[in-house]
């Protein structure tokens, strides 16, 4: 990443050895976006995304994909 790239290439550091089996100190060029954080958290926690609010109103569909 070059310093002049701003927010278009921001590094993300993740440490969760029980879930992610990669070599330590290894960099990856996998592309992700902010909308991918929620699906990733849901997958790691084993939680399903709800389809309705408590009063029966529909929730917009989840966007993004798990990293």
N, C-alpha and C. Protein backbone atom coordinates (compact mmCIF):
# COMPACT_ATOMS: atom_id res chain seq x y z
N UNK A 1 0.84 -1.18 0.00
CA UNK A 1 0.00 0.00 0.00
C UNK A 1 0.88 1.24 0.00
N UNK A 2 0.55 2.15 -0.85
CA UNK A 2 1.27 3.41 -0.91
C UNK A 2 0.58 4.43 0.00
N UNK A 3 1.33 5.31 0.62
CA UNK A 3 0.72 6.29 1.53
C UNK A 3 -0.30 7.20 0.87
N UNK A 4 -0.19 7.41 -0.43
CA UNK A 4 -1.10 8.33 -1.11
C UNK A 4 -2.38 7.65 -1.59
N UNK A 5 -2.59 6.36 -1.28
CA UNK A 5 -3.79 5.68 -1.73
C UNK A 5 -5.00 5.98 -0.87
N UNK A 6 -4.80 6.57 0.28
CA UNK A 6 -5.93 6.91 1.14
C UNK A 6 -6.68 5.68 1.59
N UNK A 7 -8.00 5.75 1.61
CA UNK A 7 -8.82 4.66 2.09
C UNK A 7 -9.11 3.58 1.07
N UNK A 8 -8.54 3.66 -0.12
CA UNK A 8 -8.87 2.65 -1.12
C UNK A 8 -8.13 1.34 -0.90
N UNK A 9 -7.10 1.36 -0.10
CA UNK A 9 -6.34 0.14 0.19
C UNK A 9 -5.90 0.18 1.65
N UNK A 10 -6.84 -0.04 2.53
CA UNK A 10 -6.57 0.02 3.96
C UNK A 10 -6.33 -1.39 4.48
N UNK A 11 -5.24 -1.62 5.19
CA UNK A 11 -4.97 -2.97 5.68
C UNK A 11 -5.93 -3.36 6.81
N UNK A 12 -6.17 -4.66 6.91
CA UNK A 12 -7.01 -5.21 7.97
C UNK A 12 -6.22 -6.35 8.61
N UNK A 13 -6.07 -6.30 9.92
CA UNK A 13 -5.36 -7.35 10.63
C UNK A 13 -6.38 -8.17 11.40
N UNK A 14 -6.35 -9.48 11.18
CA UNK A 14 -7.29 -10.39 11.83
C UNK A 14 -6.49 -11.47 12.55
N UNK A 15 -6.87 -11.75 13.79
CA UNK A 15 -6.24 -12.83 14.54
C UNK A 15 -7.33 -13.66 15.18
N UNK A 16 -7.55 -14.84 14.64
CA UNK A 16 -8.54 -15.76 15.18
C UNK A 16 -8.09 -17.16 14.78
N UNK A 17 -7.06 -17.69 15.47
CA UNK A 17 -6.44 -18.95 15.02
C UNK A 17 -7.38 -20.15 15.02
N UNK A 18 -8.46 -20.14 15.81
CA UNK A 18 -9.39 -21.26 15.79
C UNK A 18 -10.16 -21.33 14.48
N UNK A 19 -10.33 -20.22 13.80
CA UNK A 19 -11.12 -20.16 12.56
C UNK A 19 -10.25 -20.06 11.32
N UNK A 20 -9.24 -19.23 11.36
CA UNK A 20 -8.43 -18.97 10.18
C UNK A 20 -7.12 -19.73 10.28
N UNK A 21 -6.96 -20.74 9.43
CA UNK A 21 -5.77 -21.58 9.45
C UNK A 21 -4.81 -21.13 8.35
N UNK A 22 -4.08 -20.06 8.60
CA UNK A 22 -3.09 -19.58 7.65
C UNK A 22 -1.76 -19.47 8.35
N UNK A 23 -0.70 -19.38 7.59
CA UNK A 23 0.62 -19.24 8.17
C UNK A 23 0.72 -17.91 8.91
N UNK A 24 1.43 -17.92 10.00
CA UNK A 24 1.65 -16.68 10.73
C UNK A 24 2.50 -15.74 9.90
N UNK A 25 2.29 -14.47 10.09
CA UNK A 25 3.04 -13.41 9.42
C UNK A 25 2.93 -13.50 7.90
N UNK A 26 1.80 -13.96 7.42
CA UNK A 26 1.59 -14.07 5.98
C UNK A 26 0.62 -12.98 5.53
N UNK A 27 0.97 -12.31 4.46
CA UNK A 27 0.10 -11.30 3.88
C UNK A 27 -0.71 -11.93 2.77
N UNK A 28 -1.91 -11.42 2.56
CA UNK A 28 -2.74 -11.88 1.47
C UNK A 28 -3.24 -10.65 0.69
N UNK A 29 -3.51 -10.84 -0.55
CA UNK A 29 -4.04 -9.76 -1.39
C UNK A 29 -5.54 -9.90 -1.58
N UNK A 30 -6.19 -10.66 -0.70
CA UNK A 30 -7.64 -10.84 -0.81
C UNK A 30 -8.33 -9.48 -0.69
N UNK A 31 -9.25 -9.24 -1.59
CA UNK A 31 -9.97 -7.98 -1.60
C UNK A 31 -11.22 -8.10 -0.73
N UNK A 32 -11.46 -7.12 0.07
CA UNK A 32 -12.66 -7.09 0.90
C UNK A 32 -13.21 -5.68 0.93
N UNK A 33 -14.40 -5.54 1.46
CA UNK A 33 -15.06 -4.25 1.55
C UNK A 33 -15.75 -4.17 2.91
N UNK A 34 -16.08 -3.00 3.33
CA UNK A 34 -16.73 -2.80 4.61
C UNK A 34 -17.99 -3.65 4.75
N UNK A 35 -18.74 -3.83 3.67
CA UNK A 35 -19.97 -4.62 3.76
C UNK A 35 -19.69 -6.11 3.97
N UNK A 36 -18.43 -6.53 3.85
CA UNK A 36 -18.07 -7.93 4.08
C UNK A 36 -17.82 -8.24 5.56
N UNK A 37 -17.73 -7.22 6.40
CA UNK A 37 -17.44 -7.44 7.82
C UNK A 37 -18.61 -8.13 8.52
N UNK A 38 -19.84 -7.68 8.29
CA UNK A 38 -21.01 -8.28 8.95
C UNK A 38 -21.18 -9.74 8.58
N UNK A 39 -21.14 -10.13 7.29
CA UNK A 39 -21.25 -11.55 6.98
C UNK A 39 -20.12 -12.38 7.60
N UNK A 40 -18.94 -11.80 7.71
CA UNK A 40 -17.82 -12.50 8.31
C UNK A 40 -18.07 -12.75 9.80
N UNK A 41 -18.55 -11.74 10.50
CA UNK A 41 -18.85 -11.88 11.93
C UNK A 41 -19.95 -12.91 12.14
N UNK A 42 -20.98 -12.89 11.31
CA UNK A 42 -22.06 -13.86 11.44
C UNK A 42 -21.56 -15.28 11.21
N UNK A 43 -20.70 -15.47 10.20
CA UNK A 43 -20.19 -16.80 9.91
C UNK A 43 -19.31 -17.33 11.04
N UNK A 44 -18.41 -16.49 11.53
CA UNK A 44 -17.51 -16.90 12.60
C UNK A 44 -18.27 -17.22 13.88
N UNK A 45 -19.30 -16.44 14.17
CA UNK A 45 -20.06 -16.65 15.40
C UNK A 45 -21.12 -17.74 15.27
N UNK A 46 -21.38 -18.20 14.03
CA UNK A 46 -22.40 -19.22 13.82
C UNK A 46 -23.81 -18.69 13.99
N UNK A 47 -24.00 -17.42 13.76
CA UNK A 47 -25.29 -16.77 13.93
C UNK A 47 -25.95 -16.54 12.57
N UNK A 48 -27.26 -16.72 12.53
CA UNK A 48 -28.02 -16.47 11.30
C UNK A 48 -28.45 -15.01 11.24
N UNK A 49 -28.49 -14.47 10.04
CA UNK A 49 -28.96 -13.10 9.84
C UNK A 49 -30.48 -13.10 9.95
N UNK A 50 -31.06 -12.23 10.78
CA UNK A 50 -32.52 -12.22 10.93
C UNK A 50 -33.21 -11.70 9.68
N UNK A 51 -34.45 -12.11 9.50
CA UNK A 51 -35.21 -11.66 8.33
C UNK A 51 -36.27 -10.64 8.69
N UNK A 52 -36.64 -10.56 9.97
CA UNK A 52 -37.65 -9.59 10.39
C UNK A 52 -37.25 -8.95 11.71
N UNK A 53 -37.72 -7.70 11.91
CA UNK A 53 -37.55 -7.01 13.19
C UNK A 53 -38.49 -7.64 14.20
N UNK A 54 -38.41 -7.22 15.44
CA UNK A 54 -39.27 -7.79 16.48
C UNK A 54 -40.76 -7.51 16.23
N UNK A 55 -41.07 -6.45 15.50
CA UNK A 55 -42.47 -6.13 15.24
C UNK A 55 -42.96 -6.65 13.88
N UNK A 56 -42.20 -7.56 13.25
CA UNK A 56 -42.63 -8.17 12.01
C UNK A 56 -42.22 -7.45 10.74
N UNK A 57 -41.58 -6.29 10.87
CA UNK A 57 -41.14 -5.55 9.69
C UNK A 57 -39.94 -6.26 9.04
N UNK A 58 -39.91 -6.34 7.70
CA UNK A 58 -38.79 -7.02 7.05
C UNK A 58 -37.49 -6.24 7.20
N UNK A 59 -36.39 -6.96 7.28
CA UNK A 59 -35.06 -6.37 7.33
C UNK A 59 -34.48 -6.46 5.93
N UNK A 60 -33.82 -5.40 5.45
CA UNK A 60 -33.17 -5.49 4.12
C UNK A 60 -32.20 -6.67 4.08
N UNK A 61 -32.07 -7.30 2.92
CA UNK A 61 -31.17 -8.45 2.83
C UNK A 61 -29.72 -8.06 3.13
N UNK A 62 -28.98 -9.01 3.65
CA UNK A 62 -27.58 -8.81 3.96
C UNK A 62 -26.77 -8.69 2.67
N UNK A 63 -25.91 -7.70 2.63
CA UNK A 63 -25.03 -7.53 1.46
C UNK A 63 -23.62 -7.97 1.82
N UNK A 64 -22.82 -8.21 0.85
CA UNK A 64 -21.44 -8.62 1.08
C UNK A 64 -21.30 -10.11 1.21
N UNK A 65 -20.07 -10.56 1.39
CA UNK A 65 -19.80 -11.99 1.57
C UNK A 65 -18.72 -12.15 2.63
N UNK A 66 -18.74 -13.29 3.29
CA UNK A 66 -17.78 -13.53 4.36
C UNK A 66 -16.36 -13.58 3.80
N UNK A 67 -15.45 -12.95 4.50
CA UNK A 67 -14.06 -12.97 4.08
C UNK A 67 -13.45 -14.31 4.38
